[in-house]
N, C-alpha and C. Protein backbone atom coordinates (compact mmCIF):
# COMPACT_ATOMS: atom_id res chain seq x y z
N MET A 1 0.84 -1.18 0.00
CA MET A 1 0.00 0.00 0.00
C MET A 1 0.89 1.25 0.00
N ASN A 2 0.55 2.22 -0.80
CA ASN A 2 1.32 3.46 -0.89
C ASN A 2 0.87 4.40 0.22
N ASP A 3 1.79 4.70 1.15
CA ASP A 3 1.40 5.56 2.27
C ASP A 3 1.81 7.02 2.05
N MET A 4 2.30 7.33 0.85
CA MET A 4 2.65 8.72 0.57
C MET A 4 1.39 9.54 0.35
N LYS A 5 1.45 10.77 0.81
CA LYS A 5 0.34 11.70 0.57
C LYS A 5 0.27 12.00 -0.92
N LYS A 6 -0.93 12.26 -1.40
CA LYS A 6 -1.09 12.71 -2.78
C LYS A 6 -0.54 14.14 -2.83
N THR A 7 0.53 14.32 -3.60
CA THR A 7 1.29 15.56 -3.59
C THR A 7 1.39 16.17 -4.97
N ALA A 8 1.29 17.49 -5.02
CA ALA A 8 1.50 18.23 -6.27
C ALA A 8 2.60 19.27 -6.03
N VAL A 9 3.42 19.45 -7.05
CA VAL A 9 4.42 20.51 -7.05
C VAL A 9 3.94 21.54 -8.07
N ILE A 10 3.76 22.77 -7.60
CA ILE A 10 3.21 23.82 -8.45
C ILE A 10 4.26 24.90 -8.66
N GLY A 11 4.66 25.08 -9.91
CA GLY A 11 5.56 26.18 -10.26
C GLY A 11 4.71 27.39 -10.61
N ILE A 12 4.99 28.50 -9.96
CA ILE A 12 4.21 29.72 -10.17
C ILE A 12 5.11 30.80 -10.74
N GLY A 13 4.54 31.60 -11.62
CA GLY A 13 5.28 32.75 -12.13
C GLY A 13 5.12 32.92 -13.62
N ASN A 14 5.76 33.94 -14.11
CA ASN A 14 5.72 34.27 -15.53
C ASN A 14 7.13 34.15 -16.07
N SER A 15 7.37 33.15 -16.92
CA SER A 15 8.73 32.91 -17.42
C SER A 15 9.19 33.99 -18.40
N LEU A 16 8.32 34.93 -18.74
CA LEU A 16 8.72 36.06 -19.57
C LEU A 16 9.33 37.19 -18.74
N LEU A 17 9.19 37.08 -17.41
CA LEU A 17 9.62 38.16 -16.52
C LEU A 17 10.81 37.77 -15.65
N LYS A 18 11.86 37.32 -16.27
CA LYS A 18 13.14 37.00 -15.63
C LYS A 18 12.94 36.13 -14.38
N ASP A 19 13.28 36.63 -13.20
CA ASP A 19 13.26 35.82 -11.97
C ASP A 19 11.85 35.49 -11.49
N ASP A 20 10.84 36.20 -11.97
CA ASP A 20 9.47 35.88 -11.60
C ASP A 20 9.10 34.47 -12.06
N GLY A 21 9.77 33.98 -13.09
CA GLY A 21 9.47 32.66 -13.65
C GLY A 21 10.24 31.51 -13.05
N VAL A 22 10.88 31.72 -11.91
CA VAL A 22 11.74 30.68 -11.33
C VAL A 22 10.99 29.37 -11.08
N GLY A 23 9.75 29.44 -10.65
CA GLY A 23 8.98 28.21 -10.39
C GLY A 23 8.79 27.38 -11.64
N ILE A 24 8.56 28.04 -12.77
CA ILE A 24 8.38 27.35 -14.05
C ILE A 24 9.71 26.74 -14.50
N HIS A 25 10.80 27.50 -14.33
CA HIS A 25 12.13 26.99 -14.70
C HIS A 25 12.47 25.72 -13.91
N ILE A 26 12.14 25.71 -12.62
CA ILE A 26 12.45 24.52 -11.79
C ILE A 26 11.66 23.32 -12.27
N LEU A 27 10.39 23.51 -12.62
CA LEU A 27 9.59 22.39 -13.15
C LEU A 27 10.28 21.76 -14.35
N LYS A 28 10.79 22.60 -15.25
CA LYS A 28 11.46 22.09 -16.46
C LYS A 28 12.71 21.28 -16.09
N HIS A 29 13.43 21.73 -15.06
CA HIS A 29 14.63 21.01 -14.63
C HIS A 29 14.28 19.64 -14.04
N ILE A 30 13.23 19.58 -13.22
CA ILE A 30 12.97 18.32 -12.51
C ILE A 30 12.18 17.32 -13.34
N GLU A 31 11.62 17.74 -14.48
CA GLU A 31 10.93 16.79 -15.36
C GLU A 31 11.84 15.64 -15.77
N LYS A 32 13.14 15.89 -15.76
CA LYS A 32 14.11 14.87 -16.18
C LYS A 32 14.52 13.95 -15.03
N GLU A 33 14.15 14.31 -13.82
CA GLU A 33 14.56 13.53 -12.64
C GLU A 33 13.58 12.38 -12.38
N PRO A 34 14.10 11.19 -12.09
CA PRO A 34 13.19 10.05 -11.86
C PRO A 34 12.27 10.24 -10.66
N TRP A 35 12.71 10.94 -9.62
CA TRP A 35 11.89 11.12 -8.42
C TRP A 35 10.68 12.02 -8.64
N HIS A 36 10.64 12.76 -9.74
CA HIS A 36 9.49 13.65 -9.96
C HIS A 36 8.21 12.85 -10.22
N LYS A 37 8.34 11.58 -10.56
CA LYS A 37 7.16 10.76 -10.85
C LYS A 37 6.33 10.46 -9.59
N LYS A 38 6.88 10.77 -8.42
CA LYS A 38 6.15 10.56 -7.17
C LYS A 38 5.10 11.64 -6.93
N VAL A 39 5.15 12.70 -7.74
CA VAL A 39 4.24 13.84 -7.54
C VAL A 39 3.67 14.29 -8.87
N GLU A 40 2.62 15.08 -8.80
CA GLU A 40 2.07 15.71 -9.99
C GLU A 40 2.75 17.07 -10.16
N LEU A 41 3.26 17.35 -11.36
CA LEU A 41 3.87 18.65 -11.64
C LEU A 41 2.83 19.53 -12.32
N ILE A 42 2.68 20.76 -11.82
CA ILE A 42 1.68 21.67 -12.37
C ILE A 42 2.33 23.02 -12.66
N ASP A 43 2.19 23.46 -13.90
CA ASP A 43 2.61 24.81 -14.27
C ASP A 43 1.47 25.73 -13.88
N GLY A 44 1.64 26.44 -12.78
CA GLY A 44 0.57 27.26 -12.24
C GLY A 44 0.45 28.63 -12.88
N GLY A 45 1.40 28.99 -13.75
CA GLY A 45 1.32 30.28 -14.40
C GLY A 45 1.21 31.41 -13.38
N THR A 46 0.35 32.36 -13.67
CA THR A 46 0.23 33.52 -12.78
C THR A 46 -1.15 33.66 -12.15
N CYS A 47 -2.10 32.82 -12.52
CA CYS A 47 -3.44 32.93 -11.94
C CYS A 47 -3.68 31.77 -10.97
N ILE A 48 -3.44 32.05 -9.73
CA ILE A 48 -3.49 31.03 -8.68
C ILE A 48 -4.91 30.45 -8.54
N PHE A 49 -5.92 31.27 -8.76
CA PHE A 49 -7.29 30.79 -8.53
C PHE A 49 -7.68 29.69 -9.51
N ASP A 50 -6.96 29.55 -10.62
CA ASP A 50 -7.19 28.44 -11.54
C ASP A 50 -6.74 27.12 -10.93
N LEU A 51 -6.05 27.18 -9.81
CA LEU A 51 -5.46 25.98 -9.20
C LEU A 51 -6.32 25.39 -8.08
N MET A 52 -7.54 25.88 -7.91
CA MET A 52 -8.39 25.40 -6.82
C MET A 52 -8.51 23.88 -6.83
N ASP A 53 -8.66 23.31 -8.00
CA ASP A 53 -8.80 21.86 -8.14
C ASP A 53 -7.59 21.13 -7.55
N ALA A 54 -6.40 21.64 -7.82
CA ALA A 54 -5.18 21.01 -7.30
C ALA A 54 -5.14 21.09 -5.78
N PHE A 55 -5.63 22.20 -5.21
CA PHE A 55 -5.64 22.35 -3.76
C PHE A 55 -6.65 21.42 -3.11
N ILE A 56 -7.71 21.08 -3.83
CA ILE A 56 -8.73 20.18 -3.29
C ILE A 56 -8.30 18.72 -3.43
N LYS A 57 -7.69 18.36 -4.56
CA LYS A 57 -7.36 16.96 -4.86
C LYS A 57 -6.13 16.44 -4.13
N ASN A 58 -5.26 17.32 -3.67
CA ASN A 58 -3.99 16.88 -3.08
C ASN A 58 -3.95 17.13 -1.58
N GLU A 59 -3.25 16.22 -0.89
CA GLU A 59 -3.08 16.39 0.55
C GLU A 59 -1.92 17.31 0.87
N LYS A 60 -0.99 17.41 -0.09
CA LYS A 60 0.19 18.24 0.13
C LYS A 60 0.50 18.98 -1.16
N LEU A 61 0.84 20.26 -1.03
CA LEU A 61 1.22 21.08 -2.18
C LEU A 61 2.55 21.75 -1.86
N ILE A 62 3.46 21.66 -2.81
CA ILE A 62 4.74 22.35 -2.68
C ILE A 62 4.75 23.40 -3.77
N ILE A 63 4.82 24.65 -3.36
CA ILE A 63 4.74 25.76 -4.30
C ILE A 63 6.13 26.35 -4.50
N LEU A 64 6.51 26.50 -5.77
CA LEU A 64 7.79 27.08 -6.14
C LEU A 64 7.53 28.47 -6.72
N ASP A 65 8.17 29.49 -6.15
CA ASP A 65 7.87 30.85 -6.60
C ASP A 65 9.00 31.78 -6.21
N SER A 66 9.00 32.96 -6.82
CA SER A 66 9.87 34.02 -6.33
C SER A 66 9.13 34.66 -5.16
N VAL A 67 9.87 35.01 -4.12
CA VAL A 67 9.27 35.60 -2.92
C VAL A 67 10.07 36.84 -2.55
N LYS A 68 9.39 37.98 -2.51
CA LYS A 68 10.07 39.22 -2.13
C LYS A 68 9.97 39.38 -0.62
N GLY A 69 11.00 38.96 0.06
CA GLY A 69 11.01 39.02 1.51
C GLY A 69 11.91 40.10 2.07
N GLY A 70 12.58 40.82 1.18
CA GLY A 70 13.42 41.91 1.64
C GLY A 70 14.85 41.51 1.96
N HIS A 71 15.22 40.27 1.66
CA HIS A 71 16.60 39.84 1.89
C HIS A 71 17.40 39.96 0.60
N LEU A 72 18.65 39.54 0.63
CA LEU A 72 19.50 39.64 -0.56
C LEU A 72 18.96 38.78 -1.69
N PRO A 73 19.08 39.24 -2.94
CA PRO A 73 18.68 38.40 -4.07
C PRO A 73 19.39 37.04 -3.99
N GLY A 74 18.62 35.99 -4.30
CA GLY A 74 19.17 34.64 -4.22
C GLY A 74 18.90 33.96 -2.89
N THR A 75 18.38 34.70 -1.90
CA THR A 75 18.04 34.09 -0.61
C THR A 75 16.89 33.10 -0.83
N ILE A 76 17.08 31.89 -0.32
CA ILE A 76 16.06 30.84 -0.48
C ILE A 76 15.21 30.79 0.78
N TYR A 77 13.90 30.67 0.58
CA TYR A 77 12.95 30.59 1.67
C TYR A 77 12.21 29.26 1.61
N LYS A 78 11.96 28.67 2.76
CA LYS A 78 11.04 27.53 2.87
C LYS A 78 10.04 27.93 3.95
N LEU A 79 8.80 28.16 3.51
CA LEU A 79 7.81 28.76 4.40
C LEU A 79 6.51 27.97 4.40
N THR A 80 5.79 28.09 5.50
CA THR A 80 4.41 27.64 5.55
C THR A 80 3.55 28.85 5.19
N PRO A 81 2.28 28.66 4.86
CA PRO A 81 1.41 29.81 4.59
C PRO A 81 1.35 30.80 5.76
N ASN A 82 1.37 30.30 7.01
CA ASN A 82 1.35 31.20 8.16
C ASN A 82 2.59 32.08 8.19
N GLU A 83 3.75 31.47 7.93
CA GLU A 83 4.99 32.24 7.90
C GLU A 83 4.95 33.25 6.75
N LEU A 84 4.43 32.83 5.61
CA LEU A 84 4.32 33.72 4.46
C LEU A 84 3.40 34.89 4.80
N GLY A 85 2.32 34.63 5.50
CA GLY A 85 1.39 35.68 5.88
C GLY A 85 2.03 36.75 6.75
N ARG A 86 2.95 36.35 7.62
CA ARG A 86 3.66 37.32 8.46
C ARG A 86 4.72 38.09 7.67
N PHE A 87 5.09 37.54 6.53
CA PHE A 87 6.17 38.02 5.70
C PHE A 87 5.72 39.08 4.71
N ILE A 88 4.42 39.06 4.39
CA ILE A 88 3.92 39.85 3.27
C ILE A 88 4.07 41.35 3.51
N LYS A 89 4.60 42.00 2.51
CA LYS A 89 4.76 43.45 2.52
C LYS A 89 4.12 43.96 1.24
N ALA A 90 4.12 45.26 1.08
CA ALA A 90 3.55 45.85 -0.13
C ALA A 90 4.30 45.37 -1.38
N THR A 91 5.56 45.01 -1.20
CA THR A 91 6.37 44.61 -2.35
C THR A 91 6.22 43.13 -2.70
N THR A 92 5.49 42.40 -1.90
CA THR A 92 5.37 40.95 -2.10
C THR A 92 4.64 40.64 -3.39
N SER A 93 5.00 39.53 -3.98
CA SER A 93 4.37 39.06 -5.21
C SER A 93 2.87 38.88 -5.03
N LEU A 94 2.13 39.28 -6.03
CA LEU A 94 0.68 39.06 -6.02
C LEU A 94 0.37 37.58 -5.91
N HIS A 95 1.25 36.74 -6.46
CA HIS A 95 1.03 35.29 -6.38
C HIS A 95 0.91 34.85 -4.93
N ASP A 96 1.79 35.39 -4.07
CA ASP A 96 1.81 34.96 -2.68
C ASP A 96 0.52 35.33 -1.96
N VAL A 97 0.02 36.52 -2.25
CA VAL A 97 -1.25 36.95 -1.66
C VAL A 97 -2.37 36.03 -2.15
N GLN A 98 -2.35 35.70 -3.44
CA GLN A 98 -3.38 34.83 -4.01
C GLN A 98 -3.33 33.43 -3.41
N VAL A 99 -2.13 32.92 -3.13
CA VAL A 99 -2.00 31.59 -2.51
C VAL A 99 -2.71 31.60 -1.17
N LEU A 100 -2.49 32.64 -0.37
CA LEU A 100 -3.12 32.71 0.95
C LEU A 100 -4.64 32.84 0.83
N ASP A 101 -5.10 33.64 -0.12
CA ASP A 101 -6.54 33.80 -0.33
C ASP A 101 -7.17 32.48 -0.76
N LEU A 102 -6.51 31.79 -1.69
CA LEU A 102 -7.04 30.52 -2.17
C LEU A 102 -7.08 29.49 -1.04
N LEU A 103 -6.02 29.44 -0.27
CA LEU A 103 -5.97 28.49 0.84
C LEU A 103 -7.08 28.76 1.84
N GLN A 104 -7.35 30.02 2.11
CA GLN A 104 -8.44 30.38 3.02
C GLN A 104 -9.78 29.89 2.46
N ASN A 105 -10.00 30.09 1.17
CA ASN A 105 -11.25 29.63 0.54
C ASN A 105 -11.36 28.11 0.59
N ILE A 106 -10.27 27.41 0.34
CA ILE A 106 -10.26 25.94 0.38
C ILE A 106 -10.58 25.46 1.80
N ASN A 107 -9.99 26.13 2.80
CA ASN A 107 -10.25 25.76 4.20
C ASN A 107 -11.73 25.93 4.54
N TYR A 108 -12.34 27.02 4.06
CA TYR A 108 -13.78 27.23 4.29
C TYR A 108 -14.60 26.09 3.71
N MET A 109 -14.10 25.49 2.63
CA MET A 109 -14.81 24.39 1.96
C MET A 109 -14.55 23.04 2.64
N GLY A 110 -13.69 23.05 3.67
CA GLY A 110 -13.44 21.82 4.41
C GLY A 110 -12.21 21.05 3.96
N TYR A 111 -11.34 21.66 3.19
CA TYR A 111 -10.10 21.01 2.74
C TYR A 111 -8.92 21.70 3.42
N PHE A 112 -8.01 20.87 3.92
CA PHE A 112 -6.88 21.41 4.66
C PHE A 112 -5.56 20.77 4.20
N PRO A 113 -5.17 21.02 2.95
CA PRO A 113 -3.92 20.42 2.48
C PRO A 113 -2.72 21.06 3.19
N GLU A 114 -1.66 20.27 3.32
CA GLU A 114 -0.40 20.81 3.81
C GLU A 114 0.22 21.61 2.67
N VAL A 115 0.68 22.80 2.96
CA VAL A 115 1.28 23.64 1.93
C VAL A 115 2.66 24.10 2.37
N ILE A 116 3.63 23.90 1.50
CA ILE A 116 5.00 24.36 1.72
C ILE A 116 5.35 25.27 0.55
N ILE A 117 5.93 26.42 0.84
CA ILE A 117 6.37 27.33 -0.21
C ILE A 117 7.89 27.34 -0.21
N ILE A 118 8.47 26.99 -1.35
CA ILE A 118 9.91 27.10 -1.53
C ILE A 118 10.11 28.25 -2.51
N GLY A 119 10.69 29.32 -1.99
CA GLY A 119 10.82 30.52 -2.80
C GLY A 119 12.23 31.05 -2.80
N ILE A 120 12.44 32.04 -3.65
CA ILE A 120 13.75 32.68 -3.74
C ILE A 120 13.56 34.16 -3.96
N GLU A 121 14.40 34.93 -3.31
CA GLU A 121 14.38 36.39 -3.49
C GLU A 121 14.85 36.70 -4.91
N PRO A 122 14.01 37.37 -5.71
CA PRO A 122 14.42 37.68 -7.09
C PRO A 122 15.45 38.81 -7.11
N GLU A 123 16.27 38.78 -8.14
CA GLU A 123 17.21 39.89 -8.34
C GLU A 123 16.58 40.91 -9.29
N ALA A 124 15.88 40.41 -10.31
CA ALA A 124 15.29 41.31 -11.29
C ALA A 124 13.99 40.72 -11.83
N VAL A 125 12.97 41.55 -11.95
CA VAL A 125 11.72 41.17 -12.59
C VAL A 125 11.49 42.18 -13.71
N CYS A 126 11.78 41.72 -14.92
CA CYS A 126 11.65 42.58 -16.10
C CYS A 126 11.50 41.65 -17.30
N PHE A 127 11.20 42.19 -18.45
CA PHE A 127 11.02 41.33 -19.62
C PHE A 127 12.34 40.69 -20.02
N ASP A 128 12.43 39.39 -19.76
CA ASP A 128 13.63 38.61 -20.10
C ASP A 128 13.27 37.14 -19.89
N LEU A 129 13.61 36.30 -20.83
CA LEU A 129 13.29 34.87 -20.72
C LEU A 129 14.25 34.11 -19.81
N ASN A 130 15.39 34.70 -19.49
CA ASN A 130 16.40 34.02 -18.69
C ASN A 130 16.38 34.49 -17.25
N LEU A 131 16.72 33.57 -16.35
CA LEU A 131 16.86 33.93 -14.94
C LEU A 131 18.14 34.75 -14.77
N SER A 132 18.18 35.55 -13.72
CA SER A 132 19.42 36.25 -13.39
C SER A 132 20.45 35.19 -12.97
N LYS A 133 21.72 35.53 -13.10
CA LYS A 133 22.79 34.59 -12.70
C LYS A 133 22.69 34.26 -11.21
N THR A 134 22.30 35.24 -10.41
CA THR A 134 22.17 35.05 -8.96
C THR A 134 21.14 33.96 -8.65
N VAL A 135 19.98 34.04 -9.28
CA VAL A 135 18.92 33.06 -9.04
C VAL A 135 19.28 31.73 -9.69
N GLU A 136 19.83 31.77 -10.88
CA GLU A 136 20.19 30.53 -11.59
C GLU A 136 21.19 29.71 -10.78
N ARG A 137 22.15 30.39 -10.13
CA ARG A 137 23.15 29.68 -9.31
C ARG A 137 22.51 28.94 -8.13
N GLN A 138 21.34 29.41 -7.69
CA GLN A 138 20.67 28.82 -6.53
C GLN A 138 19.72 27.68 -6.90
N LEU A 139 19.47 27.47 -8.21
CA LEU A 139 18.52 26.42 -8.61
C LEU A 139 18.88 25.04 -8.03
N PRO A 140 20.15 24.61 -8.07
CA PRO A 140 20.45 23.30 -7.48
C PRO A 140 20.05 23.19 -6.02
N LYS A 141 20.23 24.26 -5.24
CA LYS A 141 19.84 24.23 -3.83
C LYS A 141 18.32 24.15 -3.68
N MET A 142 17.60 24.90 -4.52
CA MET A 142 16.14 24.86 -4.46
C MET A 142 15.62 23.47 -4.85
N ILE A 143 16.23 22.88 -5.88
CA ILE A 143 15.82 21.56 -6.33
C ILE A 143 16.13 20.51 -5.26
N ALA A 144 17.27 20.65 -4.58
CA ALA A 144 17.62 19.71 -3.50
C ALA A 144 16.61 19.83 -2.35
N LEU A 145 16.21 21.05 -2.01
CA LEU A 145 15.19 21.25 -0.97
C LEU A 145 13.88 20.57 -1.37
N LEU A 146 13.49 20.78 -2.62
CA LEU A 146 12.26 20.18 -3.14
C LEU A 146 12.34 18.66 -3.10
N LYS A 147 13.44 18.11 -3.56
CA LYS A 147 13.63 16.66 -3.58
C LYS A 147 13.54 16.10 -2.15
N ASP A 148 14.21 16.77 -1.21
CA ASP A 148 14.16 16.32 0.19
C ASP A 148 12.72 16.35 0.71
N GLU A 149 11.99 17.38 0.37
CA GLU A 149 10.60 17.53 0.82
C GLU A 149 9.73 16.40 0.26
N ILE A 150 9.98 16.01 -0.97
CA ILE A 150 9.20 14.95 -1.61
C ILE A 150 9.61 13.57 -1.08
N LEU A 151 10.90 13.32 -1.03
CA LEU A 151 11.37 11.98 -0.67
C LEU A 151 11.32 11.70 0.82
N SER A 152 11.39 12.73 1.66
CA SER A 152 11.35 12.49 3.12
C SER A 152 9.95 12.08 3.56
N GLU A 153 8.97 12.41 2.73
CA GLU A 153 7.58 12.15 3.07
C GLU A 153 7.30 10.66 3.34
N LYS A 154 7.96 9.80 2.59
CA LYS A 154 7.68 8.36 2.75
C LYS A 154 8.12 7.84 4.12
N ASP A 155 9.01 8.60 4.79
CA ASP A 155 9.47 8.18 6.10
C ASP A 155 8.58 8.66 7.23
N GLU A 156 7.68 9.60 6.93
CA GLU A 156 6.82 10.14 7.96
C GLU A 156 5.70 9.17 8.31
N ALA A 157 5.34 9.13 9.56
CA ALA A 157 4.19 8.31 9.97
C ALA A 157 2.92 9.11 9.72
N HIS A 158 1.94 8.48 9.11
CA HIS A 158 0.67 9.15 8.83
C HIS A 158 -0.40 8.63 9.77
N ALA A 159 -1.05 9.54 10.43
CA ALA A 159 -2.10 9.16 11.40
C ALA A 159 -3.36 8.78 10.67
């Protein structure tokens, strides 16, 4: 019997806007990894509310996004929605606000998925298909965090 939670990895952002597209870039990198088959990969684009179905169908969601937390570009964050809520400033990505709003709506409907946000402080958000060198250098660390989050799950006891 498979005791792993039904998990989705959602890349959020706009790959036309340099570092804003980091979540989409990571999805493309991990499609080649054998461990990605343990989860559903979802290109969440920029409209989080289109993802309601994923939040209802899965017990765990790992969201990959750029997060403006006010630290140095390239800083990696691993946050829960509660931590993200305390983090939000006027400069925060609209995606992050939408994630919290969507989660609140899902909770009202009686669904309580576990949500982890793996984010990175962007260096630049402007029209460019490529990530900044600062963010690109951090991709292996973000992917390792994601892999650990996915693979460690099988060792957890589920009540």
